[in-house]
């Protein structure tokens, strides 16, 4: 029974930790800040791609 409670405690701590992490990402808008950081490299990559411009 003690092992079950330890496992349950670990699972609960991991769940709370993941919730806090995702809340921090949401609260500080970190996903869009990361996207803005890598956007120049993405644009550089996609500007090199050949496009078929015929209609």
PDB file of N, CA and C in Angstrom:
ATOM      1  N   UNK A   1       0.818  -1.202   0.000  1.00  0.00           N
ATOM      2  CA  UNK A   1       0.000   0.000   0.000  1.00  0.00           C
ATOM      3  C   UNK A   1       0.862   1.266   0.000  1.00  0.00           C
ATOM      4  N   UNK A   2       2.002   1.219   0.691  1.00  0.00           N
ATOM      5  CA  UNK A   2       2.878   2.384   0.759  1.00  0.00           C
ATOM      6  C   UNK A   2       3.486   2.695  -0.603  1.00  0.00           C
ATOM      7  N   UNK A   3       3.794   1.651  -1.368  1.00  0.00           N
ATOM      8  CA  UNK A   3       4.362   1.854  -2.700  1.00  0.00           C
ATOM      9  C   UNK A   3       3.333   2.528  -3.600  1.00  0.00           C
ATOM     10  N   UNK A   4       2.087   2.111  -3.487  1.00  0.00           N
ATOM     11  CA  UNK A   4       1.010   2.706  -4.278  1.00  0.00           C
ATOM     12  C   UNK A   4       0.873   4.197  -3.967  1.00  0.00           C
ATOM     13  N   UNK A   5       0.973   4.565  -2.694  1.00  0.00           N
ATOM     14  CA  UNK A   5       0.859   5.979  -2.322  1.00  0.00           C
ATOM     15  C   UNK A   5       2.048   6.787  -2.822  1.00  0.00           C
ATOM     16  N   UNK A   6       3.247   6.180  -2.793  1.00  0.00           N
ATOM     17  CA  UNK A   6       4.423   6.871  -3.319  1.00  0.00           C
ATOM     18  C   UNK A   6       4.284   7.113  -4.822  1.00  0.00           C
ATOM     19  N   UNK A   7       3.817   6.090  -5.542  1.00  0.00           N
ATOM     20  CA  UNK A   7       3.625   6.234  -6.983  1.00  0.00           C
ATOM     21  C   UNK A   7       2.556   7.277  -7.265  1.00  0.00           C
ATOM     22  N   UNK A   8       1.480   7.242  -6.507  1.00  0.00           N
ATOM     23  CA  UNK A   8       0.419   8.221  -6.676  1.00  0.00           C
ATOM     24  C   UNK A   8       0.919   9.632  -6.393  1.00  0.00           C
ATOM     25  N   UNK A   9       1.751   9.799  -5.373  1.00  0.00           N
ATOM     26  CA  UNK A   9       2.333  11.102  -5.047  1.00  0.00           C
ATOM     27  C   UNK A   9       3.238  11.591  -6.173  1.00  0.00           C
ATOM     28  N   UNK A  10       4.050  10.698  -6.726  1.00  0.00           N
ATOM     29  CA  UNK A  10       4.942  11.077  -7.831  1.00  0.00           C
ATOM     30  C   UNK A  10       4.138  11.486  -9.054  1.00  0.00           C
ATOM     31  N   UNK A  11       3.097  10.735  -9.366  1.00  0.00           N
ATOM     32  CA  UNK A  11       2.247  11.070 -10.517  1.00  0.00           C
ATOM     33  C   UNK A  11       1.560  12.416 -10.297  1.00  0.00           C
ATOM     34  N   UNK A  12       1.097  12.662  -9.080  1.00  0.00           N
ATOM     35  CA  UNK A  12       0.444  13.942  -8.781  1.00  0.00           C
ATOM     36  C   UNK A  12       1.439  15.096  -8.888  1.00  0.00           C
ATOM     37  N   UNK A  13       2.667  14.908  -8.417  1.00  0.00           N
ATOM     38  CA  UNK A  13       3.680  15.966  -8.500  1.00  0.00           C
ATOM     39  C   UNK A  13       4.057  16.256  -9.948  1.00  0.00           C
ATOM     40  N   UNK A  14       4.166  15.215 -10.754  1.00  0.00           N
ATOM     41  CA  UNK A  14       4.478  15.414 -12.171  1.00  0.00           C
ATOM     42  C   UNK A  14       3.343  16.160 -12.856  1.00  0.00           C
ATOM     43  N   UNK A  15       2.100  15.795 -12.542  1.00  0.00           N
ATOM     44  CA  UNK A  15       0.953  16.470 -13.146  1.00  0.00           C
ATOM     45  C   UNK A  15       0.911  17.944 -12.744  1.00  0.00           C
ATOM     46  N   UNK A  16       1.145  18.234 -11.481  1.00  0.00           N
ATOM     47  CA  UNK A  16       1.163  19.627 -11.026  1.00  0.00           C
ATOM     48  C   UNK A  16       2.320  20.386 -11.677  1.00  0.00           C
ATOM     49  N   UNK A  17       3.468  19.753 -11.782  1.00  0.00           N
ATOM     50  CA  UNK A  17       4.616  20.399 -12.425  1.00  0.00           C
ATOM     51  C   UNK A  17       4.345  20.727 -13.885  1.00  0.00           C
ATOM     52  N   UNK A  18       3.729  19.792 -14.608  1.00  0.00           N
ATOM     53  CA  UNK A  18       3.389  20.054 -16.008  1.00  0.00           C
ATOM     54  C   UNK A  18       2.347  21.154 -16.135  1.00  0.00           C
ATOM     55  N   UNK A  19       1.390  21.179 -15.202  1.00  0.00           N
ATOM     56  CA  UNK A  19       0.393  22.244 -15.232  1.00  0.00           C
ATOM     57  C   UNK A  19       1.040  23.603 -15.003  1.00  0.00           C
ATOM     58  N   UNK A  20       1.938  23.688 -14.039  1.00  0.00           N
ATOM     59  CA  UNK A  20       2.623  24.960 -13.757  1.00  0.00           C
ATOM     60  C   UNK A  20       3.452  25.385 -14.960  1.00  0.00           C
ATOM     61  N   UNK A  21       4.121  24.434 -15.598  1.00  0.00           N
ATOM     62  CA  UNK A  21       4.930  24.756 -16.780  1.00  0.00           C
ATOM     63  C   UNK A  21       4.057  25.280 -17.919  1.00  0.00           C
ATOM     64  N   UNK A  22       2.953  24.601 -18.207  1.00  0.00           N
ATOM     65  CA  UNK A  22       2.094  25.060 -19.293  1.00  0.00           C
ATOM     66  C   UNK A  22       1.413  26.380 -18.948  1.00  0.00           C
ATOM     67  N   UNK A  23       1.099  26.601 -17.674  1.00  0.00           N
ATOM     68  CA  UNK A  23       0.509  27.876 -17.285  1.00  0.00           C
ATOM     69  C   UNK A  23       1.512  29.013 -17.464  1.00  0.00           C
ATOM     70  N   UNK A  24       2.782  28.765 -17.131  1.00  0.00           N
ATOM     71  CA  UNK A  24       3.810  29.798 -17.309  1.00  0.00           C
ATOM     72  C   UNK A  24       3.989  30.130 -18.791  1.00  0.00           C
ATOM     73  N   UNK A  25       3.965  29.106 -19.645  1.00  0.00           N
ATOM     74  CA  UNK A  25       4.079  29.337 -21.087  1.00  0.00           C
ATOM     75  C   UNK A  25       2.903  30.177 -21.565  1.00  0.00           C
ATOM     76  N   UNK A  26       1.709  29.862 -21.106  1.00  0.00           N
ATOM     77  CA  UNK A  26       0.513  30.613 -21.498  1.00  0.00           C
ATOM     78  C   UNK A  26       0.542  32.036 -20.943  1.00  0.00           C
ATOM     79  N   UNK A  27       0.877  32.182 -19.672  1.00  0.00           N
ATOM     80  CA  UNK A  27       0.803  33.481 -19.016  1.00  0.00           C
ATOM     81  C   UNK A  27       1.793  34.472 -19.613  1.00  0.00           C
ATOM     82  N   UNK A  28       3.019  34.013 -19.894  1.00  0.00           N
ATOM     83  CA  UNK A  28       4.047  34.899 -20.422  1.00  0.00           C
ATOM     84  C   UNK A  28       4.127  34.879 -21.947  1.00  0.00           C
ATOM     85  N   UNK A  29       3.200  34.163 -22.602  1.00  0.00           N
ATOM     86  CA  UNK A  29       3.128  34.108 -24.063  1.00  0.00           C
ATOM     87  C   UNK A  29       4.450  33.630 -24.672  1.00  0.00           C
ATOM     88  N   UNK A  30       5.053  32.628 -24.042  1.00  0.00           N
ATOM     89  CA  UNK A  30       6.373  32.171 -24.455  1.00  0.00           C
ATOM     90  C   UNK A  30       6.357  31.454 -25.797  1.00  0.00           C
ATOM     91  N   UNK A  31       5.239  30.845 -26.162  1.00  0.00           N
ATOM     92  CA  UNK A  31       5.188  30.161 -27.449  1.00  0.00           C
ATOM     93  C   UNK A  31       5.316  31.150 -28.597  1.00  0.00           C
ATOM     94  N   UNK A  32       4.659  32.289 -28.509  1.00  0.00           N
ATOM     95  CA  UNK A  32       4.741  33.278 -29.586  1.00  0.00           C
ATOM     96  C   UNK A  32       6.085  34.002 -29.572  1.00  0.00           C
ATOM     97  N   UNK A  33       6.680  34.149 -28.388  1.00  0.00           N
ATOM     98  CA  UNK A  33       8.012  34.752 -28.326  1.00  0.00           C
ATOM     99  C   UNK A  33       9.041  33.843 -28.987  1.00  0.00           C
ATOM    100  N   UNK A  34       8.907  32.531 -28.781  1.00  0.00           N
ATOM    101  CA  UNK A  34       9.799  31.584 -29.443  1.00  0.00           C
ATOM    102  C   UNK A  34       9.567  31.599 -30.946  1.00  0.00           C
ATOM    103  N   UNK A  35       8.317  31.668 -31.359  1.00  0.00           N
ATOM    104  CA  UNK A  35       8.006  31.728 -32.784  1.00  0.00           C
ATOM    105  C   UNK A  35       8.604  32.975 -33.426  1.00  0.00           C
ATOM    106  N   UNK A  36       8.524  34.109 -32.739  1.00  0.00           N
ATOM    107  CA  UNK A  36       9.106  35.343 -33.267  1.00  0.00           C
ATOM    108  C   UNK A  36      10.626  35.237 -33.354  1.00  0.00           C
ATOM    109  N   UNK A  37      11.224  34.469 -32.461  1.00  0.00           N
ATOM    110  CA  UNK A  37      12.670  34.282 -32.491  1.00  0.00           C
ATOM    111  C   UNK A  37      13.124  33.460 -33.694  1.00  0.00           C
ATOM    112  N   UNK A  38      12.374  32.421 -34.025  1.00  0.00           N
ATOM    113  CA  UNK A  38      12.805  31.541 -35.112  1.00  0.00           C
ATOM    114  C   UNK A  38      12.208  31.927 -36.461  1.00  0.00           C
ATOM    115  N   UNK A  39      11.348  32.940 -36.495  1.00  0.00           N
ATOM    116  CA  UNK A  39      10.711  33.330 -37.749  1.00  0.00           C
ATOM    117  C   UNK A  39      11.698  33.728 -38.840  1.00  0.00           C
ATOM    118  N   UNK A  40      12.761  34.485 -38.559  1.00  0.00           N
ATOM    119  CA  UNK A  40      13.698  34.823 -39.645  1.00  0.00           C
ATOM    120  C   UNK A  40      14.320  33.594 -40.307  1.00  0.00           C
ATOM    121  N   UNK A  41      14.661  32.585 -39.517  1.00  0.00           N
ATOM    122  CA  UNK A  41      15.232  31.371 -40.102  1.00  0.00           C
ATOM    123  C   UNK A  41      14.193  30.624 -40.924  1.00  0.00           C
ATOM    124  N   UNK A  42      12.951  30.599 -40.462  1.00  0.00           N
ATOM    125  CA  UNK A  42      11.894  29.939 -41.224  1.00  0.00           C
ATOM    126  C   UNK A  42      11.637  30.668 -42.543  1.00  0.00           C
ATOM    127  N   UNK A  43      11.592  31.997 -42.503  1.00  0.00           N
ATOM    128  CA  UNK A  43      11.374  32.763 -43.727  1.00  0.00           C
ATOM    129  C   UNK A  43      12.512  32.558 -44.716  1.00  0.00           C
ATOM    130  N   UNK A  44      13.734  32.520 -44.203  1.00  0.00           N
ATOM    131  CA  UNK A  44      14.892  32.298 -45.068  1.00  0.00           C
ATOM    132  C   UNK A  44      14.792  30.933 -45.746  1.00  0.00           C
ATOM    133  N   UNK A  45      14.371  29.942 -44.999  1.00  0.00           N
ATOM    134  CA  UNK A  45      14.221  28.598 -45.563  1.00  0.00           C
ATOM    135  C   UNK A  45      13.113  28.558 -46.617  1.00  0.00           C
ATOM    136  N   UNK A  46      11.965  29.097 -46.301  1.00  0.00           N
ATOM    137  CA  UNK A  46      10.828  29.006 -47.222  1.00  0.00           C
ATOM    138  C   UNK A  46      10.971  29.935 -48.420  1.00  0.00           C
ATOM    139  N   UNK A  47      11.785  30.981 -48.309  1.00  0.00           N
ATOM    140  CA  UNK A  47      12.031  31.835 -49.469  1.00  0.00           C
ATOM    141  C   UNK A  47      12.899  31.137 -50.507  1.00  0.00           C
ATOM    142  N   UNK A  48      13.668  30.129 -50.105  1.00  0.00           N
ATOM    143  CA  UNK A  48      14.525  29.400 -51.034  1.00  0.00           C
ATOM    144  C   UNK A  48      13.769  28.345 -51.826  1.00  0.00           C
ATOM    145  N   UNK A  49      12.570  27.990 -51.422  1.00  0.00           N
ATOM    146  CA  UNK A  49      11.827  26.930 -52.075  1.00  0.00           C
ATOM    147  C   UNK A  49      11.313  27.406 -53.426  1.00  0.00           C
ATOM    148  N   UNK A  50      11.543  26.553 -54.453  1.00  0.00           N
ATOM    149  CA  UNK A  50      11.052  26.866 -55.793  1.00  0.00           C
ATOM    150  C   UNK A  50       9.538  26.748 -55.805  1.00  0.00           C
ATOM    151  N   UNK A  51       8.881  27.694 -56.484  1.00  0.00           N
ATOM    152  CA  UNK A  51       7.424  27.688 -56.530  1.00  0.00           C
ATOM    153  C   UNK A  51       6.951  27.640 -57.993  1.00  0.00           C
ATOM    154  N   UNK A  52       5.874  26.954 -58.187  1.00  0.00           N
ATOM    155  CA  UNK A  52       5.242  26.920 -59.510  1.00  0.00           C
ATOM    156  C   UNK A  52       4.252  28.093 -59.547  1.00  0.00           C
ATOM    157  N   UNK A  53       4.570  29.110 -60.331  1.00  0.00           N
ATOM    158  CA  UNK A  53       3.764  30.323 -60.337  1.00  0.00           C
ATOM    159  C   UNK A  53       2.782  30.361 -61.510  1.00  0.00           C
ATOM    160  N   UNK A  54       2.689  29.257 -62.263  1.00  0.00           N
ATOM    161  CA  UNK A  54       1.765  29.228 -63.393  1.00  0.00           C
ATOM    162  C   UNK A  54       0.344  28.977 -62.910  1.00  0.00           C
ATOM    163  N   UNK A  55      -0.588  29.698 -63.471  1.00  0.00           N
ATOM    164  CA  UNK A  55      -1.989  29.506 -63.109  1.00  0.00           C
ATOM    165  C   UNK A  55      -2.691  28.590 -64.082  1.00  0.00           C
TER     166      UNK A  55
END
